[in-house]
C-alpha atoms as a PDB file:
ATOM      1  CA  UNK A   1      -9.655  16.477   4.008  1.00  0.00           C
ATOM      2  CA  UNK A   2      -7.843  18.805   6.413  1.00  0.00           C
ATOM      3  CA  UNK A   3      -6.017  21.854   5.099  1.00  0.00           C
ATOM      4  CA  UNK A   4      -2.269  22.072   5.571  1.00  0.00           C
ATOM      5  CA  UNK A   5      -1.557  25.697   6.427  1.00  0.00           C
ATOM      6  CA  UNK A   6       1.699  24.805   8.139  1.00  0.00           C
ATOM      7  CA  UNK A   7       3.780  27.439   9.917  1.00  0.00           C
ATOM      8  CA  UNK A   8       7.244  26.941  11.511  1.00  0.00           C
ATOM      9  CA  UNK A   9       5.814  26.600  15.016  1.00  0.00           C
ATOM     10  CA  UNK A  10       3.738  23.622  13.861  1.00  0.00           C
ATOM     11  CA  UNK A  11       6.820  21.543  13.144  1.00  0.00           C
ATOM     12  CA  UNK A  12       9.010  22.459  16.112  1.00  0.00           C
ATOM     13  CA  UNK A  13      10.466  19.254  17.475  1.00  0.00           C
ATOM     14  CA  UNK A  14       9.631  17.361  14.281  1.00  0.00           C
ATOM     15  CA  UNK A  15      13.072  15.754  14.082  1.00  0.00           C
ATOM     16  CA  UNK A  16      12.758  14.515  17.666  1.00  0.00           C
ATOM     17  CA  UNK A  17       9.384  12.962  16.832  1.00  0.00           C
ATOM     18  CA  UNK A  18      10.838  11.376  13.688  1.00  0.00           C
ATOM     19  CA  UNK A  19      13.664   9.893  15.768  1.00  0.00           C
ATOM     20  CA  UNK A  20      11.116   8.495  18.200  1.00  0.00           C
ATOM     21  CA  UNK A  21       9.098   6.976  15.358  1.00  0.00           C
ATOM     22  CA  UNK A  22      12.194   5.389  13.845  1.00  0.00           C
ATOM     23  CA  UNK A  23      13.256   3.971  17.213  1.00  0.00           C
ATOM     24  CA  UNK A  24      10.111   1.812  17.139  1.00  0.00           C
ATOM     25  CA  UNK A  25      11.596   0.089  14.055  1.00  0.00           C
ATOM     26  CA  UNK A  26      15.117  -0.506  15.415  1.00  0.00           C
ATOM     27  CA  UNK A  27      14.572  -4.237  15.910  1.00  0.00           C
ATOM     28  CA  UNK A  28      13.938  -4.604  12.172  1.00  0.00           C
ATOM     29  CA  UNK A  29      17.605  -3.919  11.343  1.00  0.00           C
ATOM     30  CA  UNK A  30      20.488  -6.286  12.146  1.00  0.00           C
ATOM     31  CA  UNK A  31      23.079  -3.500  12.439  1.00  0.00           C
ATOM     32  CA  UNK A  32      23.245   0.173  13.412  1.00  0.00           C
ATOM     33  CA  UNK A  33      24.633   1.375  10.044  1.00  0.00           C
ATOM     34  CA  UNK A  34      21.576   0.519   7.893  1.00  0.00           C
ATOM     35  CA  UNK A  35      19.385   1.804  10.725  1.00  0.00           C
ATOM     36  CA  UNK A  36      21.110   5.202  10.498  1.00  0.00           C
ATOM     37  CA  UNK A  37      20.895   5.275   6.702  1.00  0.00           C
ATOM     38  CA  UNK A  38      17.201   4.412   6.942  1.00  0.00           C
ATOM     39  CA  UNK A  39      16.694   7.463   9.150  1.00  0.00           C
ATOM     40  CA  UNK A  40      18.596   9.641   6.655  1.00  0.00           C
ATOM     41  CA  UNK A  41      16.327   8.332   3.904  1.00  0.00           C
ATOM     42  CA  UNK A  42      13.231   9.334   5.877  1.00  0.00           C
ATOM     43  CA  UNK A  43      14.671  12.795   6.517  1.00  0.00           C
ATOM     44  CA  UNK A  44      15.351  13.180   2.784  1.00  0.00           C
ATOM     45  CA  UNK A  45      11.775  12.210   1.949  1.00  0.00           C
ATOM     46  CA  UNK A  46      10.484  14.939   4.294  1.00  0.00           C
ATOM     47  CA  UNK A  47      12.824  17.585   2.846  1.00  0.00           C
ATOM     48  CA  UNK A  48      11.852  20.374   0.456  1.00  0.00           C
ATOM     49  CA  UNK A  49      13.765  18.755  -2.396  1.00  0.00           C
ATOM     50  CA  UNK A  50      11.796  18.601  -5.639  1.00  0.00           C
ATOM     51  CA  UNK A  51      13.657  15.520  -6.885  1.00  0.00           C
ATOM     52  CA  UNK A  52      13.876  12.966  -4.096  1.00  0.00           C
ATOM     53  CA  UNK A  53      16.231  10.384  -5.506  1.00  0.00           C
ATOM     54  CA  UNK A  54      19.185   9.007  -3.544  1.00  0.00           C
ATOM     55  CA  UNK A  55      21.934  11.446  -4.572  1.00  0.00           C
ATOM     56  CA  UNK A  56      20.172  14.769  -3.836  1.00  0.00           C
ATOM     57  CA  UNK A  57      18.762  13.387  -0.579  1.00  0.00           C
ATOM     58  CA  UNK A  58      22.190  12.160   0.590  1.00  0.00           C
ATOM     59  CA  UNK A  59      23.728  15.558  -0.167  1.00  0.00           C
ATOM     60  CA  UNK A  60      20.899  17.315   1.667  1.00  0.00           C
ATOM     61  CA  UNK A  61      20.998  15.276   4.883  1.00  0.00           C
ATOM     62  CA  UNK A  62      23.595  16.266   7.457  1.00  0.00           C
ATOM     63  CA  UNK A  63      26.350  13.651   7.454  1.00  0.00           C
ATOM     64  CA  UNK A  64      24.696  11.696   4.626  1.00  0.00           C
ATOM     65  CA  UNK A  65      26.783   9.785   2.068  1.00  0.00           C
ATOM     66  CA  UNK A  66      25.615   8.894  -1.430  1.00  0.00           C
ATOM     67  CA  UNK A  67      27.230   5.460  -1.471  1.00  0.00           C
ATOM     68  CA  UNK A  68      26.011   4.597   2.011  1.00  0.00           C
ATOM     69  CA  UNK A  69      22.423   5.505   1.213  1.00  0.00           C
ATOM     70  CA  UNK A  70      22.564   3.693  -2.124  1.00  0.00           C
ATOM     71  CA  UNK A  71      23.852   0.511  -0.490  1.00  0.00           C
ATOM     72  CA  UNK A  72      21.201   0.728   2.227  1.00  0.00           C
ATOM     73  CA  UNK A  73      18.349   0.824  -0.293  1.00  0.00           C
ATOM     74  CA  UNK A  74      19.777  -1.617  -2.853  1.00  0.00           C
ATOM     75  CA  UNK A  75      21.711  -4.108  -0.690  1.00  0.00           C
ATOM     76  CA  UNK A  76      20.635  -3.456   2.900  1.00  0.00           C
ATOM     77  CA  UNK A  77      18.714  -6.118   4.793  1.00  0.00           C
ATOM     78  CA  UNK A  78      15.806  -5.484   7.116  1.00  0.00           C
ATOM     79  CA  UNK A  79      12.919  -7.543   8.416  1.00  0.00           C
ATOM     80  CA  UNK A  80       9.975  -6.432   6.263  1.00  0.00           C
ATOM     81  CA  UNK A  81       7.427  -8.554   8.130  1.00  0.00           C
ATOM     82  CA  UNK A  82       8.557  -7.277  11.533  1.00  0.00           C
ATOM     83  CA  UNK A  83       8.548  -3.690  10.253  1.00  0.00           C
ATOM     84  CA  UNK A  84       4.953  -4.065   9.079  1.00  0.00           C
ATOM     85  CA  UNK A  85       3.934  -5.571  12.429  1.00  0.00           C
ATOM     86  CA  UNK A  86       5.598  -2.726  14.387  1.00  0.00           C
ATOM     87  CA  UNK A  87       3.988  -0.122  12.134  1.00  0.00           C
ATOM     88  CA  UNK A  88       0.528  -1.629  12.531  1.00  0.00           C
ATOM     89  CA  UNK A  89       1.056  -1.768  16.299  1.00  0.00           C
ATOM     90  CA  UNK A  90       1.863   1.947  16.303  1.00  0.00           C
ATOM     91  CA  UNK A  91      -1.201   2.640  14.146  1.00  0.00           C
ATOM     92  CA  UNK A  92      -3.422   0.648  16.496  1.00  0.00           C
ATOM     93  CA  UNK A  93      -2.110   2.579  19.511  1.00  0.00           C
ATOM     94  CA  UNK A  94      -2.509   5.985  17.859  1.00  0.00           C
ATOM     95  CA  UNK A  95      -5.759   5.631  15.926  1.00  0.00           C
ATOM     96  CA  UNK A  96      -7.152   2.142  16.392  1.00  0.00           C
ATOM     97  CA  UNK A  97     -10.926   2.018  16.837  1.00  0.00           C
ATOM     98  CA  UNK A  98     -13.462  -0.848  16.695  1.00  0.00           C
ATOM     99  CA  UNK A  99     -15.375   1.230  14.133  1.00  0.00           C
ATOM    100  CA  UNK A 100     -12.275   1.629  11.930  1.00  0.00           C
ATOM    101  CA  UNK A 101     -12.406   1.381   8.142  1.00  0.00           C
ATOM    102  CA  UNK A 102     -10.024  -0.364   5.734  1.00  0.00           C
ATOM    103  CA  UNK A 103      -9.820   1.159   2.231  1.00  0.00           C
ATOM    104  CA  UNK A 104      -8.329  -0.444  -0.878  1.00  0.00           C
ATOM    105  CA  UNK A 105      -7.407   1.312  -4.100  1.00  0.00           C
ATOM    106  CA  UNK A 106      -4.699   1.312  -6.742  1.00  0.00           C
ATOM    107  CA  UNK A 107      -2.754   4.166  -8.259  1.00  0.00           C
ATOM    108  CA  UNK A 108      -0.097   4.609 -10.940  1.00  0.00           C
ATOM    109  CA  UNK A 109       3.266   6.332 -10.987  1.00  0.00           C
ATOM    110  CA  UNK A 110       4.668   7.633 -14.254  1.00  0.00           C
ATOM    111  CA  UNK A 111       8.175   6.351 -14.955  1.00  0.00           C
ATOM    112  CA  UNK A 112      10.747   7.145 -17.604  1.00  0.00           C
ATOM    113  CA  UNK A 113      12.716   4.229 -19.007  1.00  0.00           C
ATOM    114  CA  UNK A 114      12.406   0.483 -18.538  1.00  0.00           C
ATOM    115  CA  UNK A 115      14.577  -0.286 -15.526  1.00  0.00           C
ATOM    116  CA  UNK A 116      12.091  -0.092 -12.643  1.00  0.00           C
ATOM    117  CA  UNK A 117      10.490  -3.364 -11.558  1.00  0.00           C
ATOM    118  CA  UNK A 118       6.993  -3.775 -12.956  1.00  0.00           C
ATOM    119  CA  UNK A 119       7.225  -0.778 -15.284  1.00  0.00           C
ATOM    120  CA  UNK A 120       5.117  -1.029 -18.437  1.00  0.00           C
ATOM    121  CA  UNK A 121       2.598   0.874 -20.498  1.00  0.00           C
ATOM    122  CA  UNK A 122      -0.509   0.522 -18.368  1.00  0.00           C
ATOM    123  CA  UNK A 123      -3.464   2.476 -17.028  1.00  0.00           C
ATOM    124  CA  UNK A 124      -2.357   5.361 -14.829  1.00  0.00           C
ATOM    125  CA  UNK A 125      -5.223   6.633 -12.695  1.00  0.00           C
ATOM    126  CA  UNK A 126      -3.424   9.832 -11.700  1.00  0.00           C
ATOM    127  CA  UNK A 127      -3.371  10.852 -15.390  1.00  0.00           C
ATOM    128  CA  UNK A 128      -6.541   9.084 -16.529  1.00  0.00           C
ATOM    129  CA  UNK A 129      -4.761   7.440 -19.458  1.00  0.00           C
ATOM    130  CA  UNK A 130      -2.351   4.674 -20.457  1.00  0.00           C
ATOM    131  CA  UNK A 131       1.220   5.691 -19.711  1.00  0.00           C
ATOM    132  CA  UNK A 132       4.617   4.127 -19.020  1.00  0.00           C
ATOM    133  CA  UNK A 133       4.791   3.561 -15.280  1.00  0.00           C
ATOM    134  CA  UNK A 134       4.329   1.383 -12.231  1.00  0.00           C
ATOM    135  CA  UNK A 135       1.052   0.572 -10.479  1.00  0.00           C
ATOM    136  CA  UNK A 136       0.639  -0.114  -6.788  1.00  0.00           C
ATOM    137  CA  UNK A 137      -2.304  -1.384  -4.759  1.00  0.00           C
ATOM    138  CA  UNK A 138      -2.639   0.318  -1.378  1.00  0.00           C
ATOM    139  CA  UNK A 139      -4.493  -0.215   1.878  1.00  0.00           C
ATOM    140  CA  UNK A 140      -5.522   2.752   3.992  1.00  0.00           C
ATOM    141  CA  UNK A 141      -6.919   2.823   7.515  1.00  0.00           C
ATOM    142  CA  UNK A 142      -9.198   5.496   8.947  1.00  0.00           C
ATOM    143  CA  UNK A 143     -10.977   6.062  12.225  1.00  0.00           C
ATOM    144  CA  UNK A 144     -12.293   9.015  14.211  1.00  0.00           C
ATOM    145  CA  UNK A 145      -8.723   9.418  15.516  1.00  0.00           C
ATOM    146  CA  UNK A 146      -6.886   9.772  12.194  1.00  0.00           C
ATOM    147  CA  UNK A 147      -5.892   7.997   9.004  1.00  0.00           C
ATOM    148  CA  UNK A 148      -2.795   6.444   7.430  1.00  0.00           C
ATOM    149  CA  UNK A 149      -1.535   4.139   4.701  1.00  0.00           C
ATOM    150  CA  UNK A 150      -0.997   0.725   6.263  1.00  0.00           C
ATOM    151  CA  UNK A 151       0.064  -1.658   3.474  1.00  0.00           C
ATOM    152  CA  UNK A 152       1.052  -1.816  -0.186  1.00  0.00           C
ATOM    153  CA  UNK A 153       1.696  -4.250  -3.010  1.00  0.00           C
ATOM    154  CA  UNK A 154       3.414  -3.670  -6.358  1.00  0.00           C
ATOM    155  CA  UNK A 155       1.314  -4.835  -9.299  1.00  0.00           C
ATOM    156  CA  UNK A 156       3.374  -6.857 -11.764  1.00  0.00           C
ATOM    157  CA  UNK A 157       1.961  -6.887 -15.334  1.00  0.00           C
ATOM    158  CA  UNK A 158       1.577 -10.378 -16.803  1.00  0.00           C
ATOM    159  CA  UNK A 159       4.206  -9.637 -19.450  1.00  0.00           C
ATOM    160  CA  UNK A 160       6.806  -9.401 -16.694  1.00  0.00           C
ATOM    161  CA  UNK A 161       6.412 -13.110 -15.969  1.00  0.00           C
ATOM    162  CA  UNK A 162       7.052 -14.223 -19.551  1.00  0.00           C
ATOM    163  CA  UNK A 163      10.376 -15.483 -20.945  1.00  0.00           C
ATOM    164  CA  UNK A 164      10.866 -12.158 -22.752  1.00  0.00           C
ATOM    165  CA  UNK A 165      11.310 -10.433 -19.384  1.00  0.00           C
ATOM    166  CA  UNK A 166      13.574 -13.028 -17.756  1.00  0.00           C
ATOM    167  CA  UNK A 167      16.662 -10.786 -17.876  1.00  0.00           C
ATOM    168  CA  UNK A 168      14.780  -7.817 -16.434  1.00  0.00           C
ATOM    169  CA  UNK A 169      13.300  -9.960 -13.649  1.00  0.00           C
ATOM    170  CA  UNK A 170      16.802 -11.111 -12.745  1.00  0.00           C
ATOM    171  CA  UNK A 171      18.170  -7.557 -12.796  1.00  0.00           C
ATOM    172  CA  UNK A 172      15.318  -6.330 -10.581  1.00  0.00           C
ATOM    173  CA  UNK A 173      15.646  -9.386  -8.285  1.00  0.00           C
ATOM    174  CA  UNK A 174      12.052 -10.489  -8.758  1.00  0.00           C
ATOM    175  CA  UNK A 175      11.646 -13.727  -6.740  1.00  0.00           C
ATOM    176  CA  UNK A 176      11.526 -16.833  -8.946  1.00  0.00           C
ATOM    177  CA  UNK A 177       8.500 -18.189  -7.056  1.00  0.00           C
ATOM    178  CA  UNK A 178       6.398 -15.072  -7.661  1.00  0.00           C
ATOM    179  CA  UNK A 179       3.135 -15.713  -9.508  1.00  0.00           C
ATOM    180  CA  UNK A 180       0.924 -13.200 -11.262  1.00  0.00           C
ATOM    181  CA  UNK A 181      -1.879 -11.673  -9.187  1.00  0.00           C
ATOM    182  CA  UNK A 182      -4.577  -9.257 -10.269  1.00  0.00           C
ATOM    183  CA  UNK A 183      -5.020  -5.960  -8.414  1.00  0.00           C
ATOM    184  CA  UNK A 184      -8.106  -7.226  -6.535  1.00  0.00           C
ATOM    185  CA  UNK A 185      -6.190 -10.363  -5.575  1.00  0.00           C
ATOM    186  CA  UNK A 186      -3.442  -8.184  -4.122  1.00  0.00           C
ATOM    187  CA  UNK A 187      -6.055  -6.183  -2.204  1.00  0.00           C
ATOM    188  CA  UNK A 188      -7.637  -9.403  -0.899  1.00  0.00           C
ATOM    189  CA  UNK A 189      -4.233 -10.698   0.218  1.00  0.00           C
ATOM    190  CA  UNK A 190      -3.588  -7.518   2.221  1.00  0.00           C
ATOM    191  CA  UNK A 191      -7.047  -7.675   3.772  1.00  0.00           C
ATOM    192  CA  UNK A 192      -6.624 -11.308   4.806  1.00  0.00           C
ATOM    193  CA  UNK A 193      -3.141 -10.638   6.207  1.00  0.00           C
ATOM    194  CA  UNK A 194      -4.335  -7.740   8.366  1.00  0.00           C
ATOM    195  CA  UNK A 195      -7.405  -9.652   9.537  1.00  0.00           C
ATOM    196  CA  UNK A 196      -5.169 -12.593  10.517  1.00  0.00           C
ATOM    197  CA  UNK A 197      -2.664 -10.271  12.208  1.00  0.00           C
ATOM    198  CA  UNK A 198      -5.447  -8.763  14.327  1.00  0.00           C
ATOM    199  CA  UNK A 199      -3.662  -5.525  15.257  1.00  0.00           C
ATOM    200  CA  UNK A 200      -5.756  -2.898  13.458  1.00  0.00           C
ATOM    201  CA  UNK A 201      -9.412  -3.118  14.517  1.00  0.00           C
ATOM    202  CA  UNK A 202     -11.925  -2.461  11.739  1.00  0.00           C
ATOM    203  CA  UNK A 203     -15.630  -2.925  11.143  1.00  0.00           C
ATOM    204  CA  UNK A 204     -15.979  -1.758   7.532  1.00  0.00           C
ATOM    205  CA  UNK A 205     -14.086  -2.289   4.275  1.00  0.00           C
ATOM    206  CA  UNK A 206     -14.481  -0.087   1.191  1.00  0.00           C
ATOM    207  CA  UNK A 207     -13.188  -0.636  -2.347  1.00  0.00           C
ATOM    208  CA  UNK A 208     -13.799   0.553  -5.890  1.00  0.00           C
ATOM    209  CA  UNK A 209     -15.480  -1.205  -8.799  1.00  0.00           C
ATOM    210  CA  UNK A 210     -12.358  -3.096  -9.875  1.00  0.00           C
ATOM    211  CA  UNK A 211     -12.394  -5.053  -6.626  1.00  0.00           C
ATOM    212  CA  UNK A 212     -16.177  -5.097  -6.401  1.00  0.00           C
ATOM    213  CA  UNK A 213     -16.511  -7.232  -9.523  1.00  0.00           C
ATOM    214  CA  UNK A 214     -13.591  -9.532  -8.680  1.00  0.00           C
ATOM    215  CA  UNK A 215     -14.459 -13.088  -7.520  1.00  0.00           C
ATOM    216  CA  UNK A 216     -11.185 -13.228  -5.558  1.00  0.00           C
ATOM    217  CA  UNK A 217     -12.034 -10.085  -3.625  1.00  0.00           C
ATOM    218  CA  UNK A 218     -15.645 -11.160  -3.035  1.00  0.00           C
ATOM    219  CA  UNK A 219     -14.412 -14.513  -1.715  1.00  0.00           C
ATOM    220  CA  UNK A 220     -12.322 -12.569   0.813  1.00  0.00           C
ATOM    221  CA  UNK A 221     -15.486 -10.638   1.733  1.00  0.00           C
ATOM    222  CA  UNK A 222     -17.367 -13.892   2.408  1.00  0.00           C
ATOM    223  CA  UNK A 223     -14.534 -15.278   4.510  1.00  0.00           C
ATOM    224  CA  UNK A 224     -14.369 -12.261   6.847  1.00  0.00           C
ATOM    225  CA  UNK A 225     -17.406 -12.697   9.107  1.00  0.00           C
ATOM    226  CA  UNK A 226     -18.665  -9.650  10.995  1.00  0.00           C
ATOM    227  CA  UNK A 227     -17.289  -7.058   8.568  1.00  0.00           C
ATOM    228  CA  UNK A 228     -19.467  -4.770   6.460  1.00  0.00           C
ATOM    229  CA  UNK A 229     -18.157  -4.288   2.925  1.00  0.00           C
ATOM    230  CA  UNK A 230     -19.035  -1.431   0.592  1.00  0.00           C
ATOM    231  CA  UNK A 231     -17.624  -2.075  -2.874  1.00  0.00           C
ATOM    232  CA  UNK A 232     -18.692  -0.454  -6.128  1.00  0.00           C
ATOM    233  CA  UNK A 233     -19.726  -2.696  -9.011  1.00  0.00           C
ATOM    234  CA  UNK A 234     -21.289  -2.113 -12.452  1.00  0.00           C
ATOM    235  CA  UNK A 235     -25.065  -1.527 -12.335  1.00  0.00           C
ATOM    236  CA  UNK A 236     -25.673  -4.245 -14.935  1.00  0.00           C
ATOM    237  CA  UNK A 237     -23.900  -6.921 -12.882  1.00  0.00           C
ATOM    238  CA  UNK A 238     -26.258  -9.887 -12.503  1.00  0.00           C
ATOM    239  CA  UNK A 239     -26.831 -11.538  -9.155  1.00  0.00           C
ATOM    240  CA  UNK A 240     -28.875 -14.185  -7.340  1.00  0.00           C
ATOM    241  CA  UNK A 241     -30.419 -13.767  -3.910  1.00  0.00           C
ATOM    242  CA  UNK A 242     -29.757 -17.462  -3.301  1.00  0.00           C
ATOM    243  CA  UNK A 243     -26.388 -18.785  -4.449  1.00  0.00           C
ATOM    244  CA  UNK A 244     -26.768 -21.040  -7.516  1.00  0.00           C
ATOM    245  CA  UNK A 245     -24.828 -24.243  -8.044  1.00  0.00           C
ATOM    246  CA  UNK A 246     -21.347 -23.694  -9.468  1.00  0.00           C
ATOM    247  CA  UNK A 247     -18.528 -25.768 -10.892  1.00  0.00           C
ATOM    248  CA  UNK A 248     -14.843 -25.119 -11.462  1.00  0.00           C
ATOM    249  CA  UNK A 249     -13.800 -24.436 -15.050  1.00  0.00           C
ATOM    250  CA  UNK A 250     -10.264 -23.865 -16.365  1.00  0.00           C
ATOM    251  CA  UNK A 251      -9.857 -20.922 -18.703  1.00  0.00           C
ATOM    252  CA  UNK A 252      -7.073 -20.968 -21.299  1.00  0.00           C
ATOM    253  CA  UNK A 253      -7.116 -17.262 -22.047  1.00  0.00           C
ATOM    254  CA  UNK A 254      -3.752 -16.031 -23.350  1.00  0.00           C
ATOM    255  CA  UNK A 255      -2.376 -19.551 -22.999  1.00  0.00           C
ATOM    256  CA  UNK A 256      -2.393 -19.513 -19.185  1.00  0.00           C
ATOM    257  CA  UNK A 257      -4.659 -21.992 -17.419  1.00  0.00           C
ATOM    258  CA  UNK A 258      -6.750 -20.320 -14.734  1.00  0.00           C
ATOM    259  CA  UNK A 259      -9.461 -21.958 -12.665  1.00  0.00           C
ATOM    260  CA  UNK A 260     -12.698 -20.073 -12.189  1.00  0.00           C
ATOM    261  CA  UNK A 261     -16.134 -20.947 -10.861  1.00  0.00           C
ATOM    262  CA  UNK A 262     -19.066 -20.846 -13.293  1.00  0.00           C
ATOM    263  CA  UNK A 263     -22.807 -21.170 -12.735  1.00  0.00           C
ATOM    264  CA  UNK A 264     -24.341 -24.561 -13.544  1.00  0.00           C
ATOM    265  CA  UNK A 265     -28.057 -24.767 -14.524  1.00  0.00           C
ATOM    266  CA  UNK A 266     -29.463 -22.096 -12.178  1.00  0.00           C
ATOM    267  CA  UNK A 267     -33.008 -22.634 -10.871  1.00  0.00           C
ATOM    268  CA  UNK A 268     -33.832 -18.937 -11.222  1.00  0.00           C
ATOM    269  CA  UNK A 269     -32.684 -16.196 -13.553  1.00  0.00           C
ATOM    270  CA  UNK A 270     -30.289 -13.579 -12.167  1.00  0.00           C
ATOM    271  CA  UNK A 271     -31.315  -9.926 -11.901  1.00  0.00           C
ATOM    272  CA  UNK A 272     -29.196  -6.789 -12.397  1.00  0.00           C
ATOM    273  CA  UNK A 273     -27.971  -5.317  -9.113  1.00  0.00           C
ATOM    274  CA  UNK A 274     -29.493  -1.953 -10.103  1.00  0.00           C
ATOM    275  CA  UNK A 275     -32.952  -3.567 -10.197  1.00  0.00           C
ATOM    276  CA  UNK A 276     -32.323  -5.328  -6.896  1.00  0.00           C
ATOM    277  CA  UNK A 277     -31.150  -2.072  -5.244  1.00  0.00           C
ATOM    278  CA  UNK A 278     -34.215  -0.198  -6.529  1.00  0.00           C
ATOM    279  CA  UNK A 279     -36.482  -2.693  -4.758  1.00  0.00           C
ATOM    280  CA  UNK A 280     -34.799  -2.283  -1.386  1.00  0.00           C
ATOM    281  CA  UNK A 281     -36.683  -0.114   1.146  1.00  0.00           C
ATOM    282  CA  UNK A 282     -34.770   2.879   2.486  1.00  0.00           C
ATOM    283  CA  UNK A 283     -34.421   1.165   5.864  1.00  0.00           C
ATOM    284  CA  UNK A 284     -32.214  -1.534   4.292  1.00  0.00           C
ATOM    285  CA  UNK A 285     -29.569   1.053   3.411  1.00  0.00           C
END
């Protein structure tokens, strides 16, 4: 990781560059007012404020208004899909490389209270313990030319989709059609979307053990031909060198019916991946 020994001369003209970056997103906003508030929000995020919520940022930004910034974030309309496309186009122009790497990982954000969408007591990787907070799944892109975050998904705990949370879902404007997805499923969805979009070139994909042992994520691996995947998985995971016959089985865990594929009468016994890896010659790595 590079060091950040920043001096004033390093950031001369930063505001001009930020304006230029934001201009690439102008077509995502229907009107000039939310476009201007969006720029103020970005300026506030780059400020030296310790607490970067709406009110202190609006008071810090020249010409900023608290109400205007609040309405922009809570009620403003912009084209999220177009914004993502424009951002990926910029990323491809600045750092795109055929040998690029996509990285998937999740992280937690500690939250006080119960009002934020998706907040619950859940594993928080930044603290290494269970804590009240939100969890996001993120996609990063890296090449020899640089690196950046390129996509994100909010993880919604299963409890949030029960009747007990109906009022909170309504207050947080959670779409009625939303269905629960695991973190690896969210990662797989981002991967498939970026592969279909075709803007960011990549040859490799890396992920941690949570995705590595997920059938949904591994199915996405199989579907993306020509990509090398490096995903961690438990050493005692059992595998076959030739795919055994499988059948679909519906699990009723926690009352929710979920379809999963199970092995049917395998011809050979599986072996732990640690044993398989130990047998590989060095040239195979």
